[in-house]
Amino acid sequence: MDNQAFDGRPNLSDLELIWRCLNCGEHMVVEGETLPEVCPSCSAPKTEFERVRED
């Protein structure tokens, strides 16, 4: 069993987040916080990504 305390917040490394490339509109599902360096569709840098919020 893991000895780390549970504080009620989800661990970001366990989440799947959706990001959108502002250059081409490609949507990417990314596990955790690690983004690809470039968009797989248009090769735009990761500075062109925005997180898609799910309401």
N, C-alpha and C. Protein backbone atom coordinates (compact mmCIF):
# COMPACT_ATOMS: atom_id res chain seq x y z
N MET A 1 0.84 -1.19 0.00
CA MET A 1 0.00 0.00 0.00
C MET A 1 0.88 1.25 0.00
N ASP A 2 0.46 2.26 -0.70
CA ASP A 2 1.19 3.51 -0.79
C ASP A 2 1.07 4.27 0.53
N ASN A 3 2.18 4.76 1.05
CA ASN A 3 2.18 5.46 2.33
C ASN A 3 1.95 6.96 2.20
N GLN A 4 1.74 7.47 0.99
CA GLN A 4 1.51 8.90 0.82
C GLN A 4 0.10 9.25 1.29
N ALA A 5 -0.03 10.41 1.91
CA ALA A 5 -1.33 10.87 2.40
C ALA A 5 -2.21 11.29 1.24
N PHE A 6 -3.48 11.00 1.34
CA PHE A 6 -4.45 11.40 0.33
C PHE A 6 -5.07 12.71 0.77
N ASP A 7 -4.93 13.74 -0.04
CA ASP A 7 -5.45 15.06 0.35
C ASP A 7 -6.75 15.42 -0.35
N GLY A 8 -7.35 14.48 -1.09
CA GLY A 8 -8.63 14.74 -1.74
C GLY A 8 -8.52 15.30 -3.14
N ARG A 9 -7.32 15.69 -3.55
CA ARG A 9 -7.13 16.22 -4.90
C ARG A 9 -6.63 15.12 -5.82
N PRO A 10 -7.06 15.12 -7.07
CA PRO A 10 -6.56 14.10 -8.00
C PRO A 10 -5.09 14.33 -8.31
N ASN A 11 -4.38 13.25 -8.53
CA ASN A 11 -2.98 13.31 -8.93
C ASN A 11 -2.94 13.64 -10.42
N LEU A 12 -2.30 14.74 -10.80
CA LEU A 12 -2.30 15.16 -12.21
C LEU A 12 -1.67 14.12 -13.13
N SER A 13 -0.76 13.32 -12.61
CA SER A 13 -0.13 12.32 -13.46
C SER A 13 -1.12 11.20 -13.82
N ASP A 14 -2.24 11.10 -13.12
CA ASP A 14 -3.24 10.08 -13.40
C ASP A 14 -4.37 10.59 -14.29
N LEU A 15 -4.41 11.88 -14.57
CA LEU A 15 -5.51 12.46 -15.34
C LEU A 15 -5.23 12.44 -16.83
N GLU A 16 -6.30 12.35 -17.61
CA GLU A 16 -6.20 12.54 -19.05
C GLU A 16 -6.76 13.93 -19.34
N LEU A 17 -5.95 14.78 -19.94
CA LEU A 17 -6.36 16.14 -20.27
C LEU A 17 -6.45 16.28 -21.78
N ILE A 18 -7.36 17.13 -22.22
CA ILE A 18 -7.53 17.37 -23.65
C ILE A 18 -6.93 18.73 -23.98
N TRP A 19 -6.07 18.75 -24.98
CA TRP A 19 -5.41 19.97 -25.44
C TRP A 19 -5.75 20.19 -26.90
N ARG A 20 -5.79 21.45 -27.33
CA ARG A 20 -6.08 21.79 -28.72
C ARG A 20 -4.94 22.65 -29.25
N CYS A 21 -4.54 22.33 -30.45
CA CYS A 21 -3.52 23.13 -31.13
C CYS A 21 -4.21 24.37 -31.70
N LEU A 22 -3.73 25.55 -31.35
CA LEU A 22 -4.32 26.79 -31.85
C LEU A 22 -3.99 27.03 -33.32
N ASN A 23 -2.98 26.35 -33.82
CA ASN A 23 -2.57 26.52 -35.22
C ASN A 23 -3.48 25.75 -36.17
N CYS A 24 -3.77 24.47 -35.85
CA CYS A 24 -4.55 23.64 -36.79
C CYS A 24 -5.85 23.11 -36.22
N GLY A 25 -6.06 23.25 -34.89
CA GLY A 25 -7.29 22.77 -34.29
C GLY A 25 -7.27 21.32 -33.85
N GLU A 26 -6.16 20.63 -34.03
CA GLU A 26 -6.04 19.23 -33.62
C GLU A 26 -6.27 19.10 -32.12
N HIS A 27 -7.07 18.11 -31.72
CA HIS A 27 -7.29 17.80 -30.31
C HIS A 27 -6.42 16.62 -29.92
N MET A 28 -5.79 16.73 -28.74
CA MET A 28 -4.90 15.67 -28.25
C MET A 28 -5.32 15.29 -26.84
N VAL A 29 -5.41 14.00 -26.58
CA VAL A 29 -5.63 13.52 -25.22
C VAL A 29 -4.27 13.17 -24.66
N VAL A 30 -3.92 13.82 -23.55
CA VAL A 30 -2.59 13.67 -22.96
C VAL A 30 -2.76 13.18 -21.53
N GLU A 31 -2.03 12.13 -21.18
CA GLU A 31 -2.05 11.64 -19.81
C GLU A 31 -1.05 12.44 -18.99
N GLY A 32 -1.51 12.97 -17.86
CA GLY A 32 -0.64 13.74 -16.99
C GLY A 32 -0.34 15.11 -17.55
N GLU A 33 0.81 15.64 -17.17
CA GLU A 33 1.17 17.01 -17.52
C GLU A 33 2.16 17.11 -18.67
N THR A 34 2.61 15.99 -19.22
CA THR A 34 3.64 16.00 -20.24
C THR A 34 3.04 16.15 -21.62
N LEU A 35 3.27 17.30 -22.23
CA LEU A 35 2.78 17.58 -23.58
C LEU A 35 3.83 17.18 -24.60
N PRO A 36 3.40 16.81 -25.81
CA PRO A 36 4.39 16.60 -26.86
C PRO A 36 5.06 17.93 -27.19
N GLU A 37 6.27 17.88 -27.67
CA GLU A 37 7.01 19.11 -28.00
C GLU A 37 6.38 19.85 -29.18
N VAL A 38 5.77 19.09 -30.11
CA VAL A 38 5.14 19.70 -31.29
C VAL A 38 3.80 19.00 -31.55
N CYS A 39 2.93 19.67 -32.27
CA CYS A 39 1.65 19.10 -32.66
C CYS A 39 1.89 17.94 -33.64
N PRO A 40 1.23 16.80 -33.42
CA PRO A 40 1.43 15.67 -34.32
C PRO A 40 0.87 15.91 -35.73
N SER A 41 -0.01 16.90 -35.88
CA SER A 41 -0.60 17.16 -37.20
C SER A 41 0.14 18.22 -38.01
N CYS A 42 0.51 19.33 -37.33
CA CYS A 42 1.08 20.45 -38.09
C CYS A 42 2.47 20.87 -37.62
N SER A 43 3.00 20.22 -36.60
CA SER A 43 4.34 20.49 -36.06
C SER A 43 4.48 21.86 -35.38
N ALA A 44 3.35 22.48 -35.00
CA ALA A 44 3.43 23.72 -34.23
C ALA A 44 4.03 23.40 -32.86
N PRO A 45 4.77 24.33 -32.27
CA PRO A 45 5.37 24.08 -30.95
C PRO A 45 4.30 24.01 -29.87
N LYS A 46 4.64 23.38 -28.75
CA LYS A 46 3.65 23.20 -27.68
C LYS A 46 3.18 24.52 -27.07
N THR A 47 3.87 25.61 -27.36
CA THR A 47 3.39 26.92 -26.90
C THR A 47 2.09 27.31 -27.60
N GLU A 48 1.75 26.61 -28.67
CA GLU A 48 0.51 26.86 -29.41
C GLU A 48 -0.66 26.00 -28.93
N PHE A 49 -0.49 25.26 -27.84
CA PHE A 49 -1.56 24.39 -27.33
C PHE A 49 -2.32 25.13 -26.24
N GLU A 50 -3.63 24.89 -26.18
CA GLU A 50 -4.43 25.37 -25.06
C GLU A 50 -5.24 24.20 -24.52
N ARG A 51 -5.42 24.20 -23.22
CA ARG A 51 -6.19 23.11 -22.59
C ARG A 51 -7.66 23.35 -22.84
N VAL A 52 -8.36 22.28 -23.23
CA VAL A 52 -9.80 22.33 -23.45
C VAL A 52 -10.46 22.04 -22.10
N ARG A 53 -11.28 22.96 -21.65
CA ARG A 53 -11.97 22.79 -20.36
C ARG A 53 -13.26 22.03 -20.56
N GLU A 54 -13.48 21.09 -19.68
CA GLU A 54 -14.73 20.34 -19.69
C GLU A 54 -15.60 20.86 -18.57
N ASP A 55 -16.73 21.45 -18.91
CA ASP A 55 -17.63 22.01 -17.89
C ASP A 55 -18.70 21.03 -17.49
